[in-house]
Amino acid sequence: MPIIIKAQKGDSTRDLIRQFKKATAATDIVNKVKDRRFYVKRAQEMNVLKSQKRRLKNKIRSLKKMKNISPRVIEYLTERLSEKK
């Protein structure tokens, strides 16, 4: 899907560039292009996912030991952990 930015009366080039950057950031195009720059083997992807899951588990475990942590934070992290599967 192409990104189209139309110039309005009184828009400077800086405004148009800013609008374009916002549009590309919203569609996450830049990150996709950076990810696809090099081929990553499936095993390497799985290792990265496993390490991220391990870090999240450790973070949840350490936050549960703390006393002044909101339960909402722990719920959010456990949801993120379940999304990683």
PDB file of N, CA and C in Angstrom:
ATOM      1  N   MET A   1       0.837  -1.168   0.000  1.00  0.00           N
ATOM      2  CA  MET A   1       0.000   0.000   0.000  1.00  0.00           C
ATOM      3  C   MET A   1       0.886   1.236   0.000  1.00  0.00           C
ATOM      4  N   PRO A   2       0.754   2.104  -1.003  1.00  0.00           N
ATOM      5  CA  PRO A   2       1.621   3.270  -1.088  1.00  0.00           C
ATOM      6  C   PRO A   2       1.230   4.337  -0.058  1.00  0.00           C
ATOM      7  N   ILE A   3       2.222   5.101   0.322  1.00  0.00           N
ATOM      8  CA  ILE A   3       1.994   6.225   1.228  1.00  0.00           C
ATOM      9  C   ILE A   3       1.943   7.483   0.376  1.00  0.00           C
ATOM     10  N   ILE A   4       0.839   8.212   0.456  1.00  0.00           N
ATOM     11  CA  ILE A   4       0.669   9.422  -0.336  1.00  0.00           C
ATOM     12  C   ILE A   4       0.537  10.609   0.599  1.00  0.00           C
ATOM     13  N   ILE A   5       1.393  11.580   0.400  1.00  0.00           N
ATOM     14  CA  ILE A   5       1.357  12.820   1.169  1.00  0.00           C
ATOM     15  C   ILE A   5       1.074  13.944   0.182  1.00  0.00           C
ATOM     16  N   LYS A   6      -0.036  14.652   0.370  1.00  0.00           N
ATOM     17  CA  LYS A   6      -0.392  15.740  -0.531  1.00  0.00           C
ATOM     18  C   LYS A   6      -0.084  17.071   0.141  1.00  0.00           C
ATOM     19  N   ALA A   7       0.475  17.972  -0.644  1.00  0.00           N
ATOM     20  CA  ALA A   7       0.834  19.295  -0.133  1.00  0.00           C
ATOM     21  C   ALA A   7      -0.399  20.188  -0.080  1.00  0.00           C
ATOM     22  N   GLN A   8      -0.570  20.868   1.023  1.00  0.00           N
ATOM     23  CA  GLN A   8      -1.637  21.851   1.194  1.00  0.00           C
ATOM     24  C   GLN A   8      -1.043  23.245   0.962  1.00  0.00           C
ATOM     25  N   LYS A   9      -1.896  24.224   0.838  1.00  0.00           N
ATOM     26  CA  LYS A   9      -1.387  25.585   0.702  1.00  0.00           C
ATOM     27  C   LYS A   9      -0.699  25.981   2.000  1.00  0.00           C
ATOM     28  N   GLY A  10       0.479  26.541   1.886  1.00  0.00           N
ATOM     29  CA  GLY A  10       1.206  27.000   3.060  1.00  0.00           C
ATOM     30  C   GLY A  10       2.087  25.936   3.695  1.00  0.00           C
ATOM     31  N   ASP A  11       2.108  24.713   3.183  1.00  0.00           N
ATOM     32  CA  ASP A  11       2.980  23.668   3.718  1.00  0.00           C
ATOM     33  C   ASP A  11       4.394  23.857   3.188  1.00  0.00           C
ATOM     34  N   SER A  12       5.338  23.819   4.086  1.00  0.00           N
ATOM     35  CA  SER A  12       6.731  23.891   3.669  1.00  0.00           C
ATOM     36  C   SER A  12       7.245  22.477   3.415  1.00  0.00           C
ATOM     37  N   THR A  13       8.440  22.385   2.869  1.00  0.00           N
ATOM     38  CA  THR A  13       9.022  21.069   2.626  1.00  0.00           C
ATOM     39  C   THR A  13       9.296  20.349   3.935  1.00  0.00           C
ATOM     40  N   ARG A  14       9.626  21.105   4.979  1.00  0.00           N
ATOM     41  CA  ARG A  14       9.852  20.486   6.292  1.00  0.00           C
ATOM     42  C   ARG A  14       8.576  19.826   6.807  1.00  0.00           C
ATOM     43  N   ASP A  15       7.442  20.514   6.611  1.00  0.00           N
ATOM     44  CA  ASP A  15       6.169  19.938   7.048  1.00  0.00           C
ATOM     45  C   ASP A  15       5.863  18.647   6.297  1.00  0.00           C
ATOM     46  N   LEU A  16       6.123  18.650   5.014  1.00  0.00           N
ATOM     47  CA  LEU A  16       5.863  17.455   4.206  1.00  0.00           C
ATOM     48  C   LEU A  16       6.770  16.302   4.615  1.00  0.00           C
ATOM     49  N   ILE A  17       8.030  16.600   4.873  1.00  0.00           N
ATOM     50  CA  ILE A  17       8.959  15.555   5.315  1.00  0.00           C
ATOM     51  C   ILE A  17       8.524  15.005   6.664  1.00  0.00           C
ATOM     52  N   ARG A  18       8.091  15.885   7.565  1.00  0.00           N
ATOM     53  CA  ARG A  18       7.627  15.451   8.876  1.00  0.00           C
ATOM     54  C   ARG A  18       6.398  14.548   8.738  1.00  0.00           C
ATOM     55  N   GLN A  19       5.456  14.924   7.874  1.00  0.00           N
ATOM     56  CA  GLN A  19       4.273  14.098   7.641  1.00  0.00           C
ATOM     57  C   GLN A  19       4.651  12.730   7.063  1.00  0.00           C
ATOM     58  N   PHE A  20       5.610  12.742   6.142  1.00  0.00           N
ATOM     59  CA  PHE A  20       6.053  11.479   5.552  1.00  0.00           C
ATOM     60  C   PHE A  20       6.700  10.577   6.597  1.00  0.00           C
ATOM     61  N   LYS A  21       7.528  11.150   7.450  1.00  0.00           N
ATOM     62  CA  LYS A  21       8.171  10.354   8.495  1.00  0.00           C
ATOM     63  C   LYS A  21       7.143   9.759   9.449  1.00  0.00           C
ATOM     64  N   LYS A  22       6.123  10.549   9.809  1.00  0.00           N
ATOM     65  CA  LYS A  22       5.069  10.040  10.684  1.00  0.00           C
ATOM     66  C   LYS A  22       4.307   8.899  10.022  1.00  0.00           C
ATOM     67  N   ALA A  23       4.029   9.056   8.725  1.00  0.00           N
ATOM     68  CA  ALA A  23       3.283   8.020   8.006  1.00  0.00           C
ATOM     69  C   ALA A  23       4.091   6.728   7.918  1.00  0.00           C
ATOM     70  N   THR A  24       5.384   6.833   7.648  1.00  0.00           N
ATOM     71  CA  THR A  24       6.202   5.628   7.562  1.00  0.00           C
ATOM     72  C   THR A  24       6.376   4.986   8.935  1.00  0.00           C
ATOM     73  N   ALA A  25       6.466   5.801   9.978  1.00  0.00           N
ATOM     74  CA  ALA A  25       6.591   5.241  11.328  1.00  0.00           C
ATOM     75  C   ALA A  25       5.304   4.540  11.735  1.00  0.00           C
ATOM     76  N   ALA A  26       4.170   5.078  11.322  1.00  0.00           N
ATOM     77  CA  ALA A  26       2.887   4.477  11.688  1.00  0.00           C
ATOM     78  C   ALA A  26       2.690   3.133  11.004  1.00  0.00           C
ATOM     79  N   THR A  27       3.189   2.979   9.793  1.00  0.00           N
ATOM     80  CA  THR A  27       3.020   1.717   9.081  1.00  0.00           C
ATOM     81  C   THR A  27       4.166   0.749   9.336  1.00  0.00           C
ATOM     82  N   ASP A  28       5.181   1.172  10.060  1.00  0.00           N
ATOM     83  CA  ASP A  28       6.310   0.323  10.470  1.00  0.00           C
ATOM     84  C   ASP A  28       7.108  -0.185   9.268  1.00  0.00           C
ATOM     85  N   ILE A  29       7.152   0.601   8.217  1.00  0.00           N
ATOM     86  CA  ILE A  29       7.864   0.201   7.004  1.00  0.00           C
ATOM     87  C   ILE A  29       9.370   0.151   7.229  1.00  0.00           C
ATOM     88  N   VAL A  30       9.894   1.133   7.926  1.00  0.00           N
ATOM     89  CA  VAL A  30      11.347   1.230   8.105  1.00  0.00           C
ATOM     90  C   VAL A  30      11.880   0.010   8.848  1.00  0.00           C
ATOM     91  N   ASN A  31      11.185  -0.408   9.902  1.00  0.00           N
ATOM     92  CA  ASN A  31      11.639  -1.581  10.656  1.00  0.00           C
ATOM     93  C   ASN A  31      11.571  -2.846   9.825  1.00  0.00           C
ATOM     94  N   LYS A  32      10.545  -2.980   8.997  1.00  0.00           N
ATOM     95  CA  LYS A  32      10.436  -4.158   8.136  1.00  0.00           C
ATOM     96  C   LYS A  32      11.589  -4.216   7.143  1.00  0.00           C
ATOM     97  N   VAL A  33      11.918  -3.072   6.578  1.00  0.00           N
ATOM     98  CA  VAL A  33      13.019  -3.028   5.616  1.00  0.00           C
ATOM     99  C   VAL A  33      14.336  -3.364   6.301  1.00  0.00           C
ATOM    100  N   LYS A  34      14.559  -2.843   7.492  1.00  0.00           N
ATOM    101  CA  LYS A  34      15.789  -3.140   8.222  1.00  0.00           C
ATOM    102  C   LYS A  34      15.874  -4.617   8.580  1.00  0.00           C
ATOM    103  N   ASP A  35      14.739  -5.213   8.941  1.00  0.00           N
ATOM    104  CA  ASP A  35      14.728  -6.634   9.282  1.00  0.00           C
ATOM    105  C   ASP A  35      15.015  -7.504   8.063  1.00  0.00           C
ATOM    106  N   ARG A  36      14.547  -7.085   6.906  1.00  0.00           N
ATOM    107  CA  ARG A  36      14.717  -7.887   5.698  1.00  0.00           C
ATOM    108  C   ARG A  36      16.015  -7.602   4.962  1.00  0.00           C
ATOM    109  N   ARG A  37      16.836  -6.736   5.509  1.00  0.00           N
ATOM    110  CA  ARG A  37      18.093  -6.395   4.850  1.00  0.00           C
ATOM    111  C   ARG A  37      18.983  -7.620   4.698  1.00  0.00           C
ATOM    112  N   PHE A  38      19.030  -8.463   5.728  1.00  0.00           N
ATOM    113  CA  PHE A  38      19.827  -9.679   5.711  1.00  0.00           C
ATOM    114  C   PHE A  38      18.927 -10.861   6.029  1.00  0.00           C
ATOM    115  N   TYR A  39      19.241 -11.996   5.443  1.00  0.00           N
ATOM    116  CA  TYR A  39      18.474 -13.201   5.728  1.00  0.00           C
ATOM    117  C   TYR A  39      18.881 -13.742   7.081  1.00  0.00           C
ATOM    118  N   VAL A  40      17.903 -14.063   7.890  1.00  0.00           N
ATOM    119  CA  VAL A  40      18.153 -14.652   9.207  1.00  0.00           C
ATOM    120  C   VAL A  40      17.571 -16.053   9.191  1.00  0.00           C
ATOM    121  N   LYS A  41      18.402 -17.007   9.564  1.00  0.00           N
ATOM    122  CA  LYS A  41      17.952 -18.393   9.591  1.00  0.00           C
ATOM    123  C   LYS A  41      16.880 -18.584  10.658  1.00  0.00           C
ATOM    124  N   ARG A  42      16.043 -19.567  10.438  1.00  0.00           N
ATOM    125  CA  ARG A  42      14.949 -19.844  11.363  1.00  0.00           C
ATOM    126  C   ARG A  42      15.479 -20.191  12.754  1.00  0.00           C
ATOM    127  N   ALA A  43      16.574 -20.914  12.822  1.00  0.00           N
ATOM    128  CA  ALA A  43      17.150 -21.288  14.120  1.00  0.00           C
ATOM    129  C   ALA A  43      17.611 -20.044  14.880  1.00  0.00           C
ATOM    130  N   GLN A  44      18.166 -19.080  14.174  1.00  0.00           N
ATOM    131  CA  GLN A  44      18.592 -17.843  14.827  1.00  0.00           C
ATOM    132  C   GLN A  44      17.393 -17.059  15.345  1.00  0.00           C
ATOM    133  N   GLU A  45      16.311 -17.031  14.572  1.00  0.00           N
ATOM    134  CA  GLU A  45      15.097 -16.357  15.018  1.00  0.00           C
ATOM    135  C   GLU A  45      14.560 -17.003  16.290  1.00  0.00           C
ATOM    136  N   MET A  46      14.571 -18.324  16.311  1.00  0.00           N
ATOM    137  CA  MET A  46      14.067 -19.040  17.474  1.00  0.00           C
ATOM    138  C   MET A  46      14.930 -18.772  18.702  1.00  0.00           C
ATOM    139  N   ASN A  47      16.253 -18.679  18.511  1.00  0.00           N
ATOM    140  CA  ASN A  47      17.138 -18.376  19.633  1.00  0.00           C
ATOM    141  C   ASN A  47      16.847 -16.994  20.195  1.00  0.00           C
ATOM    142  N   VAL A  48      16.582 -16.035  19.326  1.00  0.00           N
ATOM    143  CA  VAL A  48      16.264 -14.680  19.782  1.00  0.00           C
ATOM    144  C   VAL A  48      14.955 -14.690  20.554  1.00  0.00           C
ATOM    145  N   LEU A  49      13.948 -15.385  20.032  1.00  0.00           N
ATOM    146  CA  LEU A  49      12.659 -15.457  20.718  1.00  0.00           C
ATOM    147  C   LEU A  49      12.789 -16.137  22.082  1.00  0.00           C
ATOM    148  N   LYS A  50      13.571 -17.205  22.143  1.00  0.00           N
ATOM    149  CA  LYS A  50      13.774 -17.908  23.419  1.00  0.00           C
ATOM    150  C   LYS A  50      14.447 -17.003  24.442  1.00  0.00           C
ATOM    151  N   SER A  51      15.439 -16.248  23.995  1.00  0.00           N
ATOM    152  CA  SER A  51      16.134 -15.364  24.936  1.00  0.00           C
ATOM    153  C   SER A  51      15.212 -14.243  25.405  1.00  0.00           C
ATOM    154  N   GLN A  52      14.355 -13.731  24.513  1.00  0.00           N
ATOM    155  CA  GLN A  52      13.407 -12.703  24.923  1.00  0.00           C
ATOM    156  C   GLN A  52      12.414 -13.255  25.943  1.00  0.00           C
ATOM    157  N   LYS A  53      11.923 -14.470  25.704  1.00  0.00           N
ATOM    158  CA  LYS A  53      11.005 -15.095  26.646  1.00  0.00           C
ATOM    159  C   LYS A  53      11.673 -15.322  27.999  1.00  0.00           C
ATOM    160  N   ARG A  54      12.931 -15.766  27.967  1.00  0.00           N
ATOM    161  CA  ARG A  54      13.662 -16.014  29.209  1.00  0.00           C
ATOM    162  C   ARG A  54      13.834 -14.719  30.002  1.00  0.00           C
ATOM    163  N   ARG A  55      14.166 -13.619  29.294  1.00  0.00           N
ATOM    164  CA  ARG A  55      14.314 -12.332  29.971  1.00  0.00           C
ATOM    165  C   ARG A  55      12.991 -11.865  30.580  1.00  0.00           C
ATOM    166  N   LEU A  56      11.899 -12.054  29.847  1.00  0.00           N
ATOM    167  CA  LEU A  56      10.593 -11.666  30.380  1.00  0.00           C
ATOM    168  C   LEU A  56      10.226 -12.484  31.613  1.00  0.00           C
ATOM    169  N   LYS A  57      10.484 -13.792  31.568  1.00  0.00           N
ATOM    170  CA  LYS A  57      10.194 -14.643  32.728  1.00  0.00           C
ATOM    171  C   LYS A  57      10.987 -14.186  33.946  1.00  0.00           C
ATOM    172  N   ASN A  58      12.264 -13.898  33.734  1.00  0.00           N
ATOM    173  CA  ASN A  58      13.099 -13.439  34.850  1.00  0.00           C
ATOM    174  C   ASN A  58      12.614 -12.101  35.388  1.00  0.00           C
ATOM    175  N   LYS A  59      12.189 -11.216  34.496  1.00  0.00           N
ATOM    176  CA  LYS A  59      11.694  -9.910  34.917  1.00  0.00           C
ATOM    177  C   LYS A  59      10.424 -10.063  35.738  1.00  0.00           C
ATOM    178  N   ILE A  60       9.521 -10.939  35.271  1.00  0.00           N
ATOM    179  CA  ILE A  60       8.274 -11.175  36.012  1.00  0.00           C
ATOM    180  C   ILE A  60       8.575 -11.753  37.383  1.00  0.00           C
ATOM    181  N   ARG A  61       9.488 -12.709  37.423  1.00  0.00           N
ATOM    182  CA  ARG A  61       9.853 -13.345  38.688  1.00  0.00           C
ATOM    183  C   ARG A  61      10.429 -12.327  39.675  1.00  0.00           C
ATOM    184  N   SER A  62      11.296 -11.432  39.192  1.00  0.00           N
ATOM    185  CA  SER A  62      11.893 -10.445  40.083  1.00  0.00           C
ATOM    186  C   SER A  62      10.879  -9.391  40.519  1.00  0.00           C
ATOM    187  N   LEU A  63       9.936  -9.033  39.635  1.00  0.00           N
ATOM    188  CA  LEU A  63       8.926  -8.051  40.007  1.00  0.00           C
ATOM    189  C   LEU A  63       7.940  -8.617  41.022  1.00  0.00           C
ATOM    190  N   LYS A  64       7.664  -9.908  40.949  1.00  0.00           N
ATOM    191  CA  LYS A  64       6.757 -10.516  41.913  1.00  0.00           C
ATOM    192  C   LYS A  64       7.336 -10.483  43.320  1.00  0.00           C
ATOM    193  N   LYS A  65       8.652 -10.508  43.422  1.00  0.00           N
ATOM    194  CA  LYS A  65       9.301 -10.480  44.723  1.00  0.00           C
ATOM    195  C   LYS A  65       9.246  -9.087  45.352  1.00  0.00           C
ATOM    196  N   MET A  66       9.126  -8.052  44.517  1.00  0.00           N
ATOM    197  CA  MET A  66       9.054  -6.688  45.032  1.00  0.00           C
ATOM    198  C   MET A  66       7.677  -6.423  45.627  1.00  0.00           C
ATOM    199  N   LYS A  67       7.615  -5.482  46.570  1.00  0.00           N
ATOM    200  CA  LYS A  67       6.372  -5.242  47.293  1.00  0.00           C
ATOM    201  C   LYS A  67       5.515  -4.138  46.663  1.00  0.00           C
ATOM    202  N   ASN A  68       6.126  -3.127  46.094  1.00  0.00           N
ATOM    203  CA  ASN A  68       5.373  -1.962  45.648  1.00  0.00           C
ATOM    204  C   ASN A  68       5.051  -1.975  44.154  1.00  0.00           C
ATOM    205  N   ILE A  69       4.959  -3.136  43.564  1.00  0.00           N
ATOM    206  CA  ILE A  69       4.685  -3.241  42.139  1.00  0.00           C
ATOM    207  C   ILE A  69       3.195  -3.476  41.915  1.00  0.00           C
ATOM    208  N   SER A  70       2.635  -2.746  40.967  1.00  0.00           N
ATOM    209  CA  SER A  70       1.218  -2.882  40.634  1.00  0.00           C
ATOM    210  C   SER A  70       0.970  -4.244  39.979  1.00  0.00           C
ATOM    211  N   PRO A  71      -0.123  -4.889  40.335  1.00  0.00           N
ATOM    212  CA  PRO A  71      -0.437  -6.173  39.683  1.00  0.00           C
ATOM    213  C   PRO A  71      -0.715  -6.014  38.190  1.00  0.00           C
ATOM    214  N   ARG A  72      -1.125  -4.820  37.800  1.00  0.00           N
ATOM    215  CA  ARG A  72      -1.393  -4.564  36.386  1.00  0.00           C
ATOM    216  C   ARG A  72      -0.127  -4.710  35.546  1.00  0.00           C
ATOM    217  N   VAL A  73       1.007  -4.325  36.107  1.00  0.00           N
ATOM    218  CA  VAL A  73       2.283  -4.442  35.393  1.00  0.00           C
ATOM    219  C   VAL A  73       2.611  -5.912  35.158  1.00  0.00           C
ATOM    220  N   ILE A  74       2.421  -6.707  36.175  1.00  0.00           N
ATOM    221  CA  ILE A  74       2.713  -8.131  36.059  1.00  0.00           C
ATOM    222  C   ILE A  74       1.759  -8.791  35.063  1.00  0.00           C
ATOM    223  N   GLU A  75       0.485  -8.393  35.084  1.00  0.00           N
ATOM    224  CA  GLU A  75      -0.471  -8.932  34.112  1.00  0.00           C
ATOM    225  C   GLU A  75      -0.063  -8.583  32.685  1.00  0.00           C
ATOM    226  N   TYR A  76       0.362  -7.339  32.496  1.00  0.00           N
ATOM    227  CA  TYR A  76       0.789  -6.903  31.170  1.00  0.00           C
ATOM    228  C   TYR A  76       1.973  -7.725  30.676  1.00  0.00           C
ATOM    229  N   LEU A  77       2.940  -7.952  31.554  1.00  0.00           N
ATOM    230  CA  LEU A  77       4.120  -8.722  31.156  1.00  0.00           C
ATOM    231  C   LEU A  77       3.773 -10.183  30.880  1.00  0.00           C
ATOM    232  N   THR A  78       2.871 -10.747  31.658  1.00  0.00           N
ATOM    233  CA  THR A  78       2.481 -12.141  31.387  1.00  0.00           C
ATOM    234  C   THR A  78       1.716 -12.252  30.069  1.00  0.00           C
ATOM    235  N   GLU A  79       0.940 -11.216  29.716  1.00  0.00           N
ATOM    236  CA  GLU A  79       0.274 -11.211  28.414  1.00  0.00           C
ATOM    237  C   GLU A  79       1.303 -11.156  27.280  1.00  0.00           C
ATOM    238  N   ARG A  80       2.313 -10.314  27.460  1.00  0.00           N
ATOM    239  CA  ARG A  80       3.372 -10.235  26.439  1.00  0.00           C
ATOM    240  C   ARG A  80       4.093 -11.553  26.312  1.00  0.00           C
ATOM    241  N   LEU A  81       4.282 -12.237  27.441  1.00  0.00           N
ATOM    242  CA  LEU A  81       4.958 -13.539  27.416  1.00  0.00           C
ATOM    243  C   LEU A  81       4.120 -14.566  26.661  1.00  0.00           C
ATOM    244  N   SER A  82       2.811 -14.532  26.863  1.00  0.00           N
ATOM    245  CA  SER A  82       1.953 -15.492  26.161  1.00  0.00           C
ATOM    246  C   SER A  82       1.861 -15.167  24.667  1.00  0.00           C
ATOM    247  N   GLU A  83       2.054 -13.905  24.276  1.00  0.00           N
ATOM    248  CA  GLU A  83       2.039 -13.535  22.856  1.00  0.00           C
ATOM    249  C   GLU A  83       3.269 -14.047  22.132  1.00  0.00           C
ATOM    250  N   LYS A  84       4.377 -14.249  22.825  1.00  0.00           N
ATOM    251  CA  LYS A  84       5.625 -14.654  22.211  1.00  0.00           C
ATOM    252  C   LYS A  84       5.588 -16.091  21.689  1.00  0.00           C
ATOM    253  N   LYS A  85       4.607 -16.867  22.079  1.00  0.00           N
ATOM    254  CA  LYS A  85       4.551 -18.280  21.687  1.00  0.00           C
ATOM    255  C   LYS A  85       4.312 -18.481  20.244  1.00  0.00           C
TER     256      LYS A  85
END
